[in-house]
Protein backbone atom coordinates (compact mmCIF):
# COMPACT_ATOMS: atom_id res chain seq x y z
CA UNK A 1 125.69 -110.70 -17.05
CA UNK A 2 122.21 -112.03 -16.41
CA UNK A 3 121.55 -115.55 -17.63
CA UNK A 4 118.37 -117.60 -17.51
CA UNK A 5 118.40 -121.26 -18.47
CA UNK A 6 115.14 -123.16 -18.85
CA UNK A 7 114.65 -126.91 -18.74
CA UNK A 8 111.85 -129.42 -18.33
CA UNK A 9 110.01 -129.08 -21.60
CA UNK A 10 109.16 -132.05 -23.76
CA UNK A 11 106.41 -134.17 -25.26
CA UNK A 12 103.40 -135.04 -23.11
CA UNK A 13 99.96 -136.44 -23.79
CA UNK A 14 96.75 -134.46 -23.54
CA UNK A 15 95.92 -134.11 -19.85
CA UNK A 16 99.48 -134.71 -18.72
CA UNK A 17 101.80 -132.59 -16.58
CA UNK A 18 105.21 -131.00 -16.87
CA UNK A 19 107.38 -129.00 -14.52
CA UNK A 20 109.55 -126.33 -16.05
CA UNK A 21 112.62 -124.99 -14.27
CA UNK A 22 114.66 -121.85 -14.84
CA UNK A 23 118.00 -121.22 -13.20
CA UNK A 24 118.81 -117.53 -12.95
CA UNK A 25 122.32 -116.18 -12.51
CA UNK A 26 123.80 -112.72 -12.44
CA UNK A 27 120.63 -110.91 -11.33
CA UNK A 28 121.52 -109.16 -8.11
CA UNK A 29 118.52 -106.92 -7.40
CA UNK A 30 116.37 -107.79 -4.43
CA UNK A 31 113.19 -106.46 -6.05
CA UNK A 32 112.06 -108.15 -9.24
CA UNK A 33 109.34 -109.71 -11.28
CA UNK A 34 110.08 -113.19 -12.51
CA UNK A 35 107.75 -114.67 -15.03
CA UNK A 36 106.93 -117.34 -17.56
CA UNK A 37 105.49 -116.61 -20.94
CA UNK A 38 105.02 -118.62 -24.11
CA UNK A 39 104.98 -118.13 -27.83
CA UNK A 40 103.46 -120.45 -30.38
CA UNK A 41 104.48 -120.27 -34.06
CA UNK A 42 102.83 -117.37 -35.82
CA UNK A 43 101.35 -115.98 -32.62
CA UNK A 44 102.14 -113.14 -30.26
CA UNK A 45 103.87 -113.87 -26.95
CA UNK A 46 101.38 -114.71 -24.23
CA UNK A 47 101.99 -114.02 -20.56
CA UNK A 48 101.46 -117.06 -18.37
CA UNK A 49 102.48 -116.43 -14.79
CA UNK A 50 104.37 -113.86 -12.77
CA UNK A 51 105.84 -113.86 -9.28
CA UNK A 52 107.20 -110.89 -7.40
CA UNK A 53 110.13 -110.85 -5.02
CA UNK A 54 107.71 -110.87 -2.07
CA UNK A 55 106.08 -114.05 -3.36
CA UNK A 56 102.87 -112.64 -4.77
CA UNK A 57 101.83 -114.31 -8.01
CA UNK A 58 99.36 -113.73 -10.81
CA UNK A 59 98.31 -115.71 -13.86
CA UNK A 60 97.20 -115.14 -17.40
CA UNK A 61 93.87 -116.51 -18.53
CA UNK A 62 95.10 -119.78 -20.04
CA UNK A 63 97.22 -120.58 -16.97
CA UNK A 64 94.66 -119.96 -14.26
CA UNK A 65 93.70 -123.07 -12.39
CA UNK A 66 96.18 -125.28 -14.25
CA UNK A 67 99.63 -123.73 -13.84
CA UNK A 68 101.50 -122.82 -10.65
CA UNK A 69 104.53 -120.56 -10.51
CA UNK A 70 106.99 -120.83 -7.63
CA UNK A 71 110.53 -119.93 -6.77
CA UNK A 72 113.34 -121.34 -4.66
CA UNK A 73 115.49 -118.38 -3.74
CA UNK A 74 118.18 -120.59 -2.21
CA UNK A 75 118.66 -122.21 -5.63
CA UNK A 76 117.98 -119.10 -7.73
CA UNK A 77 115.42 -121.19 -9.55
CA UNK A 78 111.98 -120.42 -10.91
CA UNK A 79 109.45 -123.17 -11.57
CA UNK A 80 106.25 -123.62 -13.52
CA UNK A 81 104.12 -126.62 -12.67
CA UNK A 82 101.74 -127.27 -15.54
CA UNK A 83 98.84 -129.67 -15.09
CA UNK A 84 96.04 -130.81 -17.39
CA UNK A 85 98.00 -129.78 -20.45
CA UNK A 86 96.13 -129.41 -23.71
CA UNK A 87 97.23 -129.32 -27.36
CA UNK A 88 96.59 -125.56 -27.39
CA UNK A 89 99.41 -125.25 -24.82
CA UNK A 90 101.95 -126.20 -27.52
CA UNK A 91 104.55 -123.43 -27.54
CA UNK A 92 108.05 -122.38 -26.66
CA UNK A 93 108.08 -121.42 -23.00
CA UNK A 94 110.40 -118.71 -21.74
CA UNK A 95 111.34 -117.52 -18.31
CA UNK A 96 112.16 -113.88 -17.85
CA UNK A 97 113.04 -111.30 -15.20
CA UNK A 98 112.75 -107.57 -14.87
CA UNK A 99 113.00 -105.06 -12.08
CA UNK A 100 109.33 -104.25 -11.63
CA UNK A 101 105.90 -104.16 -13.21
CA UNK A 102 104.55 -107.67 -12.90
CA UNK A 103 101.04 -106.66 -13.92
CA UNK A 104 102.46 -104.93 -16.98
CA UNK A 105 104.82 -107.79 -17.90
CA UNK A 106 101.97 -110.29 -17.69
CA UNK A 107 100.30 -108.37 -20.51
CA UNK A 108 103.48 -107.38 -22.36
CA UNK A 109 105.98 -110.24 -21.85
CA UNK A 110 108.15 -109.12 -24.77
CA UNK A 111 109.17 -106.07 -22.72
CA UNK A 112 111.07 -108.16 -20.16
CA UNK A 113 114.65 -106.95 -19.86
CA UNK A 114 116.09 -110.46 -19.58
CA UNK A 115 114.83 -113.78 -20.89
CA UNK A 116 116.10 -117.29 -21.50
CA UNK A 117 116.38 -119.26 -24.73
CA UNK A 118 113.17 -121.16 -24.09
CA UNK A 119 112.09 -124.76 -23.71
CA UNK A 120 109.63 -126.43 -26.07
CA UNK A 121 106.40 -127.93 -24.77
CA UNK A 122 104.47 -130.24 -27.08
CA UNK A 123 101.15 -131.77 -26.10
CA UNK A 124 99.84 -134.61 -28.22
CA UNK A 125 96.12 -135.18 -28.63
C-alpha cells in the first residue's frame, strides 16, 4: 500500500519561507513522477512542482523562481522549499506520485494515482 505523509505546513508572514516534507512508503517502482500541488478553498487544484526519477524538475507558473522541489532517495522523502511566500499561496499542499507523465501531472494534478492527506500553508499579510 502506497502512503504519502506531508509535514511542514503552518502559519508564516508575507515574504517568509517554509519547507514541506513528504515521506513516501510502499512505492516500489524505479520510474516515477513525484510532485507537489495545492488547492485553495473553492478553487481547482494547481500544479506546483514535479520531479522525475532521474532528477529533472519542472514548475508551475506560481512556483517558478520561488519554490524548489527536491528529493532524498535514501530517505524516501520529497521536499518543497518555498521562499517569498505571499497571501495568494494560502492553500492545502499535497504531495503525490504516479508512474509517469510529469508534464501532464503538472497540468492535471488531480489525476495522480497516489496522494497524501495534505498540509495547510497559511500566509498572513
